[in-house]
Amino acid sequence: MTISLCFIVALLAKLQKQPPSYLNSFIIYILATISVEIITWWYSLHNMNNLKFYNGYITLNFPYLLFLLRSFLSTPKVIKALSYTIVIFPICALINLLFIQGPNIFNTYTYMVGCLLVVITCIFYFYERIKYPGPHSLLQDPTFWTATGLLFFYTCSLPLNGILNFISNMPWLVFTTLHVTNIMINIILYLFFSISFICNLIFRKSSL
């Protein structure tokens, strides 16, 4: 539900004059995420293994998020390093998917590395914003809300989802708690994304 509302707000932000260059790809990313969620829900409903879809998704998810965050940065060396990482990460993820953890269990190695890369990049984004403050308030900056949402989500998600394969025999209550917690941090993530799109819609429009 939250992600669908986020998608609608993103489309509204797209209708403004001169939307930011990353908005098109961000909208496609959210639509792809909705599609994956629907497919995996359908597979789960029919008691079929849906982990291959999640594994394929995270293989592409993290490179895109690094690509998105790279567009928020201005330090040439970091941008160059991220450019290499965006190419190398999916190659390593595919090796893990095909030859190490395989497609039928959640690829925690790929997920944990991806989480760390996103968190580190978000931290550097905030370092840049502190060192080189822009002309506008952070609260009016769409990139601030996007980076904040990603930092919060992947900081919380790393320990939660990184241990999934190691607690398969834990009580039902543990899985329920993890599931509810994941839902909550997902809701918060897409609320941050929605605020980012609202900032694009309101503050960019007022500056034109």
N, C-alpha and C. Protein backbone atom coordinates (compact mmCIF):
# COMPACT_ATOMS: atom_id res chain seq x y z
N MET A 1 0.82 -1.20 0.00
CA MET A 1 0.00 0.00 0.00
C MET A 1 0.87 1.26 0.00
N THR A 2 1.84 1.31 0.90
CA THR A 2 2.70 2.49 1.01
C THR A 2 3.50 2.71 -0.26
N ILE A 3 4.01 1.61 -0.82
CA ILE A 3 4.82 1.74 -2.03
C ILE A 3 3.96 2.20 -3.21
N SER A 4 2.69 1.80 -3.23
CA SER A 4 1.80 2.26 -4.30
C SER A 4 1.54 3.75 -4.20
N LEU A 5 1.32 4.25 -2.98
CA LEU A 5 1.14 5.69 -2.77
C LEU A 5 2.40 6.45 -3.14
N CYS A 6 3.54 5.86 -2.80
CA CYS A 6 4.83 6.46 -3.16
C CYS A 6 4.95 6.59 -4.67
N PHE A 7 4.53 5.56 -5.39
CA PHE A 7 4.59 5.56 -6.85
C PHE A 7 3.70 6.67 -7.43
N ILE A 8 2.52 6.85 -6.85
CA ILE A 8 1.60 7.88 -7.32
C ILE A 8 2.20 9.27 -7.09
N VAL A 9 2.79 9.49 -5.90
CA VAL A 9 3.42 10.78 -5.61
C VAL A 9 4.58 11.03 -6.57
N ALA A 10 5.33 9.98 -6.89
CA ALA A 10 6.45 10.12 -7.83
C ALA A 10 5.95 10.54 -9.21
N LEU A 11 4.84 9.97 -9.64
CA LEU A 11 4.27 10.35 -10.94
C LEU A 11 3.82 11.81 -10.93
N LEU A 12 3.25 12.25 -9.82
CA LEU A 12 2.84 13.65 -9.71
C LEU A 12 4.05 14.57 -9.77
N ALA A 13 5.14 14.16 -9.12
CA ALA A 13 6.36 14.97 -9.15
C ALA A 13 6.92 15.04 -10.56
N LYS A 14 6.69 13.98 -11.35
CA LYS A 14 7.19 13.95 -12.72
C LYS A 14 6.47 14.96 -13.61
N LEU A 15 5.27 15.36 -13.21
CA LEU A 15 4.47 16.26 -14.03
C LEU A 15 4.95 17.71 -13.97
N GLN A 16 5.81 18.02 -12.98
CA GLN A 16 6.29 19.39 -12.87
C GLN A 16 7.24 19.73 -14.03
N LYS A 17 7.50 21.00 -14.19
CA LYS A 17 8.48 21.44 -15.18
C LYS A 17 9.89 21.17 -14.67
N GLN A 18 10.75 20.72 -15.57
CA GLN A 18 12.17 20.47 -15.27
C GLN A 18 12.37 19.57 -14.04
N PRO A 19 11.80 18.37 -14.04
CA PRO A 19 12.05 17.44 -12.92
C PRO A 19 13.51 17.03 -12.89
N PRO A 20 14.03 16.61 -11.75
CA PRO A 20 15.43 16.19 -11.68
C PRO A 20 15.70 14.99 -12.60
N SER A 21 16.90 14.90 -13.08
CA SER A 21 17.24 13.90 -14.10
C SER A 21 17.07 12.47 -13.60
N TYR A 22 17.23 12.25 -12.29
CA TYR A 22 17.16 10.89 -11.76
C TYR A 22 15.72 10.40 -11.57
N LEU A 23 14.75 11.30 -11.70
CA LEU A 23 13.37 10.94 -11.35
C LEU A 23 12.80 9.85 -12.25
N ASN A 24 13.12 9.89 -13.54
CA ASN A 24 12.61 8.87 -14.46
C ASN A 24 13.03 7.46 -14.05
N SER A 25 14.32 7.31 -13.79
CA SER A 25 14.81 5.98 -13.40
C SER A 25 14.28 5.57 -12.03
N PHE A 26 14.08 6.55 -11.15
CA PHE A 26 13.55 6.25 -9.81
C PHE A 26 12.13 5.71 -9.91
N ILE A 27 11.32 6.31 -10.79
CA ILE A 27 9.96 5.84 -10.99
C ILE A 27 9.95 4.41 -11.54
N ILE A 28 10.81 4.13 -12.50
CA ILE A 28 10.92 2.77 -13.06
C ILE A 28 11.36 1.79 -11.97
N TYR A 29 12.28 2.21 -11.12
CA TYR A 29 12.76 1.37 -10.02
C TYR A 29 11.62 1.01 -9.07
N ILE A 30 10.81 1.98 -8.71
CA ILE A 30 9.70 1.72 -7.79
C ILE A 30 8.67 0.80 -8.46
N LEU A 31 8.40 1.03 -9.74
CA LEU A 31 7.47 0.16 -10.47
C LEU A 31 8.00 -1.27 -10.54
N ALA A 32 9.31 -1.43 -10.77
CA ALA A 32 9.91 -2.77 -10.80
C ALA A 32 9.81 -3.44 -9.43
N THR A 33 9.99 -2.65 -8.37
CA THR A 33 9.87 -3.19 -7.02
C THR A 33 8.46 -3.68 -6.74
N ILE A 34 7.47 -2.89 -7.17
CA ILE A 34 6.07 -3.31 -7.00
C ILE A 34 5.83 -4.62 -7.75
N SER A 35 6.35 -4.73 -8.96
CA SER A 35 6.17 -5.95 -9.77
C SER A 35 6.77 -7.17 -9.08
N VAL A 36 7.98 -7.00 -8.53
CA VAL A 36 8.63 -8.12 -7.83
C VAL A 36 7.82 -8.53 -6.61
N GLU A 37 7.31 -7.54 -5.87
CA GLU A 37 6.51 -7.84 -4.68
C GLU A 37 5.25 -8.61 -5.05
N ILE A 38 4.62 -8.24 -6.15
CA ILE A 38 3.40 -8.95 -6.58
C ILE A 38 3.74 -10.38 -6.99
N ILE A 39 4.81 -10.55 -7.76
CA ILE A 39 5.20 -11.89 -8.22
C ILE A 39 5.57 -12.80 -7.05
N THR A 40 6.38 -12.28 -6.13
CA THR A 40 6.80 -13.10 -4.98
C THR A 40 5.62 -13.41 -4.06
N TRP A 41 4.68 -12.45 -3.94
CA TRP A 41 3.47 -12.71 -3.14
C TRP A 41 2.66 -13.84 -3.76
N TRP A 42 2.53 -13.83 -5.09
CA TRP A 42 1.76 -14.86 -5.78
C TRP A 42 2.41 -16.24 -5.60
N TYR A 43 3.72 -16.27 -5.73
CA TYR A 43 4.44 -17.54 -5.53
C TYR A 43 4.28 -18.04 -4.10
N SER A 44 4.39 -17.14 -3.14
CA SER A 44 4.23 -17.52 -1.73
C SER A 44 2.82 -18.02 -1.46
N LEU A 45 1.83 -17.39 -2.09
CA LEU A 45 0.43 -17.79 -1.91
C LEU A 45 0.20 -19.21 -2.38
N HIS A 46 0.96 -19.63 -3.39
CA HIS A 46 0.82 -20.98 -3.94
C HIS A 46 1.90 -21.93 -3.42
N ASN A 47 2.51 -21.55 -2.29
CA ASN A 47 3.52 -22.39 -1.61
C ASN A 47 4.68 -22.78 -2.52
N MET A 48 5.10 -21.84 -3.37
CA MET A 48 6.24 -22.06 -4.25
C MET A 48 7.41 -21.18 -3.80
N ASN A 49 8.62 -21.66 -4.07
CA ASN A 49 9.82 -20.93 -3.67
C ASN A 49 9.95 -19.65 -4.48
N ASN A 50 9.94 -18.52 -3.80
CA ASN A 50 10.04 -17.23 -4.50
C ASN A 50 11.40 -16.57 -4.32
N LEU A 51 12.35 -17.30 -3.71
CA LEU A 51 13.63 -16.69 -3.39
C LEU A 51 14.46 -16.35 -4.63
N LYS A 52 14.25 -17.08 -5.72
CA LYS A 52 15.01 -16.78 -6.94
C LYS A 52 14.68 -15.39 -7.46
N PHE A 53 13.44 -14.95 -7.23
CA PHE A 53 13.06 -13.61 -7.66
C PHE A 53 13.70 -12.55 -6.76
N TYR A 54 13.70 -12.81 -5.45
CA TYR A 54 14.36 -11.89 -4.53
C TYR A 54 15.86 -11.81 -4.82
N ASN A 55 16.47 -12.96 -5.09
CA ASN A 55 17.90 -12.98 -5.37
C ASN A 55 18.22 -12.21 -6.66
N GLY A 56 17.39 -12.40 -7.67
CA GLY A 56 17.58 -11.64 -8.90
C GLY A 56 17.37 -10.15 -8.68
N TYR A 57 16.40 -9.83 -7.84
CA TYR A 57 16.09 -8.43 -7.55
C TYR A 57 17.25 -7.73 -6.85
N ILE A 58 17.81 -8.36 -5.82
CA ILE A 58 18.89 -7.70 -5.09
C ILE A 58 20.16 -7.58 -5.94
N THR A 59 20.31 -8.47 -6.93
CA THR A 59 21.45 -8.36 -7.83
C THR A 59 21.42 -7.06 -8.61
N LEU A 60 20.22 -6.58 -8.93
CA LEU A 60 20.06 -5.33 -9.67
C LEU A 60 19.72 -4.15 -8.77
N ASN A 61 19.10 -4.43 -7.63
CA ASN A 61 18.67 -3.37 -6.71
C ASN A 61 19.82 -2.52 -6.22
N PHE A 62 20.86 -3.16 -5.72
CA PHE A 62 21.97 -2.41 -5.13
C PHE A 62 22.76 -1.60 -6.16
N PRO A 63 23.06 -2.15 -7.34
CA PRO A 63 23.71 -1.30 -8.34
C PRO A 63 22.89 -0.06 -8.68
N TYR A 64 21.56 -0.23 -8.77
CA TYR A 64 20.76 0.96 -9.07
C TYR A 64 20.83 1.98 -7.94
N LEU A 65 20.72 1.53 -6.70
CA LEU A 65 20.76 2.47 -5.57
C LEU A 65 22.10 3.19 -5.50
N LEU A 66 23.18 2.49 -5.82
CA LEU A 66 24.50 3.14 -5.85
C LEU A 66 24.56 4.14 -7.00
N PHE A 67 23.95 3.78 -8.13
CA PHE A 67 23.86 4.70 -9.27
C PHE A 67 23.08 5.96 -8.88
N LEU A 68 21.97 5.76 -8.16
CA LEU A 68 21.15 6.89 -7.72
C LEU A 68 21.93 7.78 -6.75
N LEU A 69 22.55 7.18 -5.77
CA LEU A 69 23.31 7.95 -4.78
C LEU A 69 24.51 8.65 -5.41
N ARG A 70 25.11 8.01 -6.40
CA ARG A 70 26.24 8.63 -7.10
C ARG A 70 25.83 9.96 -7.72
N SER A 71 24.59 10.05 -8.19
CA SER A 71 24.12 11.29 -8.82
C SER A 71 23.94 12.41 -7.79
N PHE A 72 23.94 12.07 -6.50
CA PHE A 72 23.81 13.08 -5.45
C PHE A 72 25.16 13.64 -5.02
N LEU A 73 26.26 12.99 -5.44
CA LEU A 73 27.59 13.32 -4.93
C LEU A 73 28.34 14.23 -5.90
N SER A 74 29.42 14.82 -5.39
CA SER A 74 30.21 15.74 -6.22
C SER A 74 31.71 15.47 -6.17
N THR A 75 32.16 14.53 -5.32
CA THR A 75 33.57 14.23 -5.20
C THR A 75 34.01 13.27 -6.32
N PRO A 76 34.87 13.70 -7.23
CA PRO A 76 35.22 12.88 -8.41
C PRO A 76 35.74 11.49 -8.06
N LYS A 77 36.60 11.37 -7.06
CA LYS A 77 37.18 10.07 -6.73
C LYS A 77 36.12 9.10 -6.24
N VAL A 78 35.18 9.60 -5.45
CA VAL A 78 34.11 8.73 -4.94
C VAL A 78 33.18 8.33 -6.08
N ILE A 79 32.87 9.27 -6.94
CA ILE A 79 32.02 8.97 -8.10
C ILE A 79 32.66 7.90 -8.98
N LYS A 80 33.97 8.02 -9.19
CA LYS A 80 34.68 7.03 -9.99
C LYS A 80 34.67 5.66 -9.32
N ALA A 81 34.89 5.64 -8.00
CA ALA A 81 34.89 4.38 -7.26
C ALA A 81 33.51 3.72 -7.32
N LEU A 82 32.46 4.52 -7.22
CA LEU A 82 31.10 3.98 -7.30
C LEU A 82 30.82 3.44 -8.70
N SER A 83 31.36 4.09 -9.72
CA SER A 83 31.17 3.63 -11.09
C SER A 83 31.73 2.22 -11.27
N TYR A 84 32.92 1.98 -10.72
CA TYR A 84 33.50 0.63 -10.76
C TYR A 84 32.65 -0.36 -9.96
N THR A 85 32.20 0.08 -8.80
CA THR A 85 31.43 -0.79 -7.92
C THR A 85 30.12 -1.22 -8.58
N ILE A 86 29.49 -0.28 -9.27
CA ILE A 86 28.22 -0.57 -9.95
C ILE A 86 28.39 -1.68 -10.98
N VAL A 87 29.56 -1.78 -11.59
CA VAL A 87 29.84 -2.83 -12.58
C VAL A 87 30.25 -4.13 -11.89
N ILE A 88 31.09 -4.03 -10.88
CA ILE A 88 31.65 -5.22 -10.23
C ILE A 88 30.61 -5.94 -9.37
N PHE A 89 29.77 -5.18 -8.68
CA PHE A 89 28.83 -5.80 -7.74
C PHE A 89 27.92 -6.85 -8.39
N PRO A 90 27.22 -6.54 -9.50
CA PRO A 90 26.34 -7.57 -10.07
C PRO A 90 27.09 -8.80 -10.58
N ILE A 91 28.35 -8.61 -10.99
CA ILE A 91 29.14 -9.77 -11.42
C ILE A 91 29.39 -10.70 -10.23
N CYS A 92 29.79 -10.11 -9.10
CA CYS A 92 30.00 -10.91 -7.89
C CYS A 92 28.70 -11.52 -7.40
N ALA A 93 27.60 -10.76 -7.51
CA ALA A 93 26.30 -11.27 -7.08
C ALA A 93 25.88 -12.47 -7.92
N LEU A 94 26.12 -12.41 -9.22
CA LEU A 94 25.79 -13.54 -10.10
C LEU A 94 26.63 -14.76 -9.78
N ILE A 95 27.89 -14.56 -9.46
CA ILE A 95 28.76 -15.69 -9.08
C ILE A 95 28.21 -16.35 -7.81
N ASN A 96 27.80 -15.52 -6.85
CA ASN A 96 27.22 -16.05 -5.61
C ASN A 96 25.90 -16.78 -5.91
N LEU A 97 25.09 -16.20 -6.80
CA LEU A 97 23.79 -16.78 -7.14
C LEU A 97 23.92 -18.12 -7.84
N LEU A 98 24.92 -18.23 -8.72
CA LEU A 98 25.05 -19.44 -9.54
C LEU A 98 25.92 -20.52 -8.91
N PHE A 99 26.96 -20.11 -8.17
CA PHE A 99 27.98 -21.09 -7.76
C PHE A 99 28.20 -21.22 -6.26
N ILE A 100 27.75 -20.27 -5.47
CA ILE A 100 28.07 -20.32 -4.04
C ILE A 100 26.80 -20.61 -3.22
N GLN A 101 25.96 -19.59 -3.01
CA GLN A 101 24.75 -19.83 -2.22
C GLN A 101 23.62 -20.43 -3.05
N GLY A 102 23.61 -20.15 -4.35
CA GLY A 102 22.60 -20.74 -5.22
C GLY A 102 21.30 -19.94 -5.24
N PRO A 103 20.40 -20.28 -6.19
CA PRO A 103 19.17 -19.50 -6.37
C PRO A 103 18.04 -19.84 -5.41
N ASN A 104 18.16 -20.96 -4.69
CA ASN A 104 17.02 -21.44 -3.90
C ASN A 104 17.08 -21.10 -2.42
N ILE A 105 18.12 -20.39 -2.00
CA ILE A 105 18.15 -19.82 -0.65
C ILE A 105 18.46 -18.33 -0.79
N PHE A 106 18.07 -17.57 0.21
CA PHE A 106 18.28 -16.13 0.15
C PHE A 106 19.78 -15.83 0.15
N ASN A 107 20.22 -15.05 -0.82
CA ASN A 107 21.65 -14.75 -0.98
C ASN A 107 22.09 -13.68 0.02
N THR A 108 22.33 -14.14 1.25
CA THR A 108 22.67 -13.20 2.34
C THR A 108 24.01 -12.52 2.11
N TYR A 109 24.97 -13.21 1.47
CA TYR A 109 26.28 -12.58 1.23
C TYR A 109 26.11 -11.34 0.34
N THR A 110 25.36 -11.53 -0.74
CA THR A 110 25.11 -10.42 -1.65
C THR A 110 24.37 -9.30 -0.93
N TYR A 111 23.37 -9.68 -0.14
CA TYR A 111 22.54 -8.68 0.54
C TYR A 111 23.36 -7.88 1.55
N MET A 112 24.17 -8.56 2.33
CA MET A 112 24.93 -7.86 3.36
C MET A 112 25.96 -6.91 2.75
N VAL A 113 26.64 -7.36 1.70
CA VAL A 113 27.61 -6.48 1.03
C VAL A 113 26.90 -5.28 0.43
N GLY A 114 25.75 -5.52 -0.21
CA GLY A 114 24.97 -4.43 -0.80
C GLY A 114 24.53 -3.42 0.25
N CYS A 115 24.04 -3.92 1.39
CA CYS A 115 23.64 -3.03 2.48
C CYS A 115 24.80 -2.15 2.94
N LEU A 116 25.97 -2.76 3.13
CA LEU A 116 27.14 -2.01 3.58
C LEU A 116 27.52 -0.93 2.58
N LEU A 117 27.48 -1.27 1.29
CA LEU A 117 27.85 -0.29 0.27
C LEU A 117 26.90 0.89 0.25
N VAL A 118 25.60 0.62 0.38
CA VAL A 118 24.61 1.70 0.39
C VAL A 118 24.77 2.57 1.63
N VAL A 119 24.96 1.93 2.78
CA VAL A 119 25.13 2.68 4.03
C VAL A 119 26.37 3.57 3.97
N ILE A 120 27.48 3.03 3.49
CA ILE A 120 28.72 3.81 3.40
C ILE A 120 28.54 5.00 2.45
N THR A 121 27.87 4.76 1.33
CA THR A 121 27.65 5.83 0.36
C THR A 121 26.74 6.91 0.94
N CYS A 122 25.71 6.50 1.68
CA CYS A 122 24.83 7.48 2.32
C CYS A 122 25.59 8.32 3.35
N ILE A 123 26.45 7.68 4.11
CA ILE A 123 27.25 8.40 5.10
C ILE A 123 28.14 9.43 4.41
N PHE A 124 28.72 9.05 3.27
CA PHE A 124 29.56 10.01 2.54
C PHE A 124 28.72 11.15 1.99
N TYR A 125 27.49 10.85 1.59
CA TYR A 125 26.59 11.91 1.13
C TYR A 125 26.40 12.95 2.23
N PHE A 126 26.14 12.49 3.45
CA PHE A 126 25.94 13.42 4.57
C PHE A 126 27.23 14.17 4.90
N TYR A 127 28.36 13.50 4.75
CA TYR A 127 29.65 14.18 4.95
C TYR A 127 29.80 15.33 3.96
N GLU A 128 29.45 15.08 2.70
CA GLU A 128 29.52 16.14 1.69
C GLU A 128 28.58 17.29 2.02
N ARG A 129 27.38 16.96 2.47
CA ARG A 129 26.40 18.01 2.76
C ARG A 129 26.82 18.86 3.96
N ILE A 130 27.52 18.24 4.91
CA ILE A 130 28.04 19.01 6.06
C ILE A 130 29.21 19.88 5.63
N LYS A 131 30.09 19.29 4.81
CA LYS A 131 31.29 20.02 4.40
C LYS A 131 30.97 21.10 3.37
N TYR A 132 30.03 20.80 2.46
CA TYR A 132 29.67 21.76 1.42
C TYR A 132 28.16 21.99 1.44
N PRO A 133 27.66 22.74 2.43
CA PRO A 133 26.22 22.97 2.53
C PRO A 133 25.70 23.74 1.32
N GLY A 134 24.54 23.34 0.84
CA GLY A 134 23.95 24.00 -0.32
C GLY A 134 23.19 25.26 0.08
N PRO A 135 22.61 25.94 -0.89
CA PRO A 135 21.91 27.20 -0.63
C PRO A 135 20.56 27.00 0.05
N HIS A 136 20.03 25.76 0.00
CA HIS A 136 18.70 25.51 0.55
C HIS A 136 18.80 24.64 1.80
N SER A 137 17.75 24.67 2.61
CA SER A 137 17.67 23.83 3.80
C SER A 137 17.68 22.36 3.42
N LEU A 138 18.31 21.55 4.26
CA LEU A 138 18.31 20.11 4.01
C LEU A 138 16.90 19.56 3.92
N LEU A 139 16.01 20.08 4.75
CA LEU A 139 14.65 19.57 4.80
C LEU A 139 13.89 19.85 3.50
N GLN A 140 14.39 20.78 2.69
CA GLN A 140 13.78 21.07 1.40
C GLN A 140 14.46 20.33 0.24
N ASP A 141 15.49 19.57 0.57
CA ASP A 141 16.28 18.90 -0.45
C ASP A 141 15.77 17.46 -0.65
N PRO A 142 15.26 17.12 -1.83
CA PRO A 142 14.77 15.75 -2.07
C PRO A 142 15.83 14.68 -1.85
N THR A 143 17.08 15.00 -2.21
CA THR A 143 18.14 13.99 -2.06
C THR A 143 18.39 13.65 -0.59
N PHE A 144 18.19 14.63 0.28
CA PHE A 144 18.37 14.39 1.72
C PHE A 144 17.39 13.33 2.21
N TRP A 145 16.13 13.45 1.82
CA TRP A 145 15.12 12.50 2.28
C TRP A 145 15.35 11.11 1.69
N THR A 146 15.78 11.06 0.43
CA THR A 146 16.08 9.77 -0.19
C THR A 146 17.24 9.09 0.52
N ALA A 147 18.33 9.82 0.73
CA ALA A 147 19.51 9.25 1.39
C ALA A 147 19.21 8.86 2.83
N THR A 148 18.41 9.67 3.53
CA THR A 148 18.04 9.36 4.91
C THR A 148 17.22 8.07 4.98
N GLY A 149 16.27 7.93 4.06
CA GLY A 149 15.47 6.72 4.03
C GLY A 149 16.31 5.48 3.76
N LEU A 150 17.22 5.59 2.80
CA LEU A 150 18.09 4.45 2.47
C LEU A 150 19.02 4.12 3.62
N LEU A 151 19.58 5.14 4.27
CA LEU A 151 20.48 4.89 5.40
C LEU A 151 19.74 4.19 6.52
N PHE A 152 18.55 4.67 6.86
CA PHE A 152 17.76 4.06 7.93
C PHE A 152 17.39 2.62 7.57
N PHE A 153 16.87 2.43 6.35
CA PHE A 153 16.37 1.11 5.97
C PHE A 153 17.48 0.07 5.96
N TYR A 154 18.59 0.38 5.29
CA TYR A 154 19.63 -0.64 5.15
C TYR A 154 20.48 -0.82 6.40
N THR A 155 20.52 0.17 7.27
CA THR A 155 21.16 -0.03 8.57
C THR A 155 20.36 -1.01 9.41
N CYS A 156 19.03 -0.87 9.36
CA CYS A 156 18.16 -1.78 10.11
C CYS A 156 18.05 -3.15 9.44
N SER A 157 18.01 -3.15 8.11
CA SER A 157 17.78 -4.38 7.36
C SER A 157 18.99 -5.31 7.37
N LEU A 158 20.18 -4.74 7.48
CA LEU A 158 21.40 -5.57 7.44
C LEU A 158 21.39 -6.66 8.50
N PRO A 159 21.20 -6.34 9.78
CA PRO A 159 21.19 -7.44 10.77
C PRO A 159 19.93 -8.29 10.70
N LEU A 160 18.81 -7.71 10.26
CA LEU A 160 17.56 -8.47 10.22
C LEU A 160 17.58 -9.54 9.14
N ASN A 161 17.94 -9.15 7.92
CA ASN A 161 17.89 -10.08 6.79
C ASN A 161 19.20 -10.82 6.56
N GLY A 162 20.28 -10.31 7.14
CA GLY A 162 21.56 -10.97 6.97
C GLY A 162 21.66 -12.32 7.68
N ILE A 163 20.73 -12.54 8.65
CA ILE A 163 20.80 -13.79 9.43
C ILE A 163 19.69 -14.77 9.07
N LEU A 164 18.93 -14.47 8.02
CA LEU A 164 17.77 -15.30 7.71
C LEU A 164 18.11 -16.77 7.53
N ASN A 165 19.20 -17.05 6.85
CA ASN A 165 19.54 -18.45 6.58
C ASN A 165 20.08 -19.18 7.80
N PHE A 166 20.37 -18.42 8.85
CA PHE A 166 20.95 -19.04 10.05
C PHE A 166 19.92 -19.29 11.14
N ILE A 167 18.68 -18.85 10.91
CA ILE A 167 17.65 -19.02 11.95
C ILE A 167 16.45 -19.78 11.41
N SER A 168 16.70 -20.64 10.43
CA SER A 168 15.59 -21.36 9.79
C SER A 168 14.86 -22.28 10.77
N ASN A 169 15.52 -22.67 11.83
CA ASN A 169 14.89 -23.58 12.79
C ASN A 169 14.42 -22.85 14.05
N MET A 170 14.40 -21.54 14.00
CA MET A 170 13.96 -20.77 15.16
C MET A 170 12.44 -20.81 15.26
N PRO A 171 11.89 -20.48 16.45
CA PRO A 171 10.43 -20.54 16.64
C PRO A 171 9.67 -19.60 15.71
N TRP A 172 8.38 -19.92 15.54
CA TRP A 172 7.51 -19.13 14.67
C TRP A 172 7.48 -17.67 15.11
N LEU A 173 7.54 -17.43 16.42
CA LEU A 173 7.46 -16.06 16.93
C LEU A 173 8.61 -15.20 16.42
N VAL A 174 9.79 -15.81 16.27
CA VAL A 174 10.95 -15.07 15.77
C VAL A 174 10.71 -14.61 14.33
N PHE A 175 10.21 -15.52 13.49
CA PHE A 175 9.94 -15.17 12.10
C PHE A 175 8.85 -14.10 12.00
N THR A 176 7.84 -14.24 12.85
CA THR A 176 6.76 -13.25 12.85
C THR A 176 7.29 -11.87 13.24
N THR A 177 8.14 -11.84 14.24
CA THR A 177 8.72 -10.56 14.69
C THR A 177 9.57 -9.95 13.58
N LEU A 178 10.39 -10.78 12.94
CA LEU A 178 11.22 -10.29 11.84
C LEU A 178 10.36 -9.77 10.69
N HIS A 179 9.29 -10.50 10.38
CA HIS A 179 8.42 -10.11 9.28
C HIS A 179 7.75 -8.77 9.56
N VAL A 180 7.22 -8.61 10.76
CA VAL A 180 6.56 -7.35 11.13
C VAL A 180 7.55 -6.20 11.12
N THR A 181 8.75 -6.45 11.63
CA THR A 181 9.78 -5.41 11.66
C THR A 181 10.16 -5.00 10.25
N ASN A 182 10.30 -5.97 9.35
CA ASN A 182 10.62 -5.67 7.95
C ASN A 182 9.52 -4.83 7.30
N ILE A 183 8.27 -5.16 7.61
CA ILE A 183 7.16 -4.37 7.07
C ILE A 183 7.24 -2.93 7.55
N MET A 184 7.54 -2.74 8.84
CA MET A 184 7.59 -1.40 9.41
C MET A 184 8.71 -0.57 8.79
N ILE A 185 9.89 -1.15 8.64
CA ILE A 185 11.00 -0.35 8.08
C ILE A 185 10.78 -0.11 6.58
N ASN A 186 10.05 -1.02 5.90
CA ASN A 186 9.69 -0.77 4.50
C ASN A 186 8.73 0.41 4.39
N ILE A 187 7.77 0.46 5.30
CA ILE A 187 6.82 1.57 5.30
C ILE A 187 7.55 2.89 5.51
N ILE A 188 8.48 2.90 6.47
CA ILE A 188 9.24 4.12 6.75
C ILE A 188 10.08 4.52 5.53
N LEU A 189 10.70 3.54 4.86
CA LEU A 189 11.51 3.84 3.68
C LEU A 189 10.68 4.55 2.61
N TYR A 190 9.49 4.00 2.31
CA TYR A 190 8.69 4.59 1.24
C TYR A 190 8.01 5.89 1.67
N LEU A 191 7.85 6.09 2.97
CA LEU A 191 7.41 7.40 3.44
C LEU A 191 8.49 8.45 3.19
N PHE A 192 9.75 8.09 3.44
CA PHE A 192 10.87 9.00 3.15
C PHE A 192 10.95 9.29 1.65
N PHE A 193 10.80 8.25 0.84
CA PHE A 193 10.80 8.46 -0.62
C PHE A 193 9.66 9.41 -1.02
N SER A 194 8.48 9.22 -0.42
CA SER A 194 7.34 10.06 -0.74
C SER A 194 7.62 11.52 -0.37
N ILE A 195 8.23 11.74 0.78
CA ILE A 195 8.59 13.10 1.19
C ILE A 195 9.57 13.70 0.19
N SER A 196 10.49 12.87 -0.29
CA SER A 196 11.45 13.32 -1.30
C SER A 196 10.73 13.80 -2.55
N PHE A 197 9.75 13.03 -3.01
CA PHE A 197 9.00 13.41 -4.21
C PHE A 197 8.15 14.66 -3.96
N ILE A 198 7.60 14.77 -2.75
CA ILE A 198 6.82 15.96 -2.41
C ILE A 198 7.72 17.20 -2.42
N CYS A 199 8.93 17.05 -1.93
CA CYS A 199 9.90 18.16 -1.98
C CYS A 199 10.18 18.55 -3.43
N ASN A 200 10.32 17.55 -4.28
CA ASN A 200 10.51 17.84 -5.71
C ASN A 200 9.33 18.61 -6.26
N LEU A 201 8.15 18.23 -5.82
CA LEU A 201 6.93 18.84 -6.35
C LEU A 201 6.73 20.26 -5.83
N ILE A 202 6.98 20.48 -4.54
CA ILE A 202 6.67 21.77 -3.92
C ILE A 202 7.81 22.77 -4.08
N PHE A 203 9.00 22.40 -3.60
CA PHE A 203 10.08 23.38 -3.51
C PHE A 203 10.70 23.69 -4.87
N ARG A 204 10.76 22.66 -5.76
CA ARG A 204 11.29 22.96 -7.10
C ARG A 204 10.30 23.83 -7.87
N LYS A 205 9.00 23.57 -7.67
CA LYS A 205 7.99 24.36 -8.36
C LYS A 205 8.05 25.82 -7.89
N SER A 206 8.25 26.02 -6.58
CA SER A 206 8.27 27.37 -6.04
C SER A 206 9.51 28.13 -6.47
N SER A 207 10.58 27.39 -6.88
CA SER A 207 11.83 28.04 -7.28
C SER A 207 11.86 28.37 -8.76
N LEU A 208 10.87 27.87 -9.52
CA LEU A 208 10.86 28.11 -10.97
C LEU A 208 10.30 29.49 -11.29
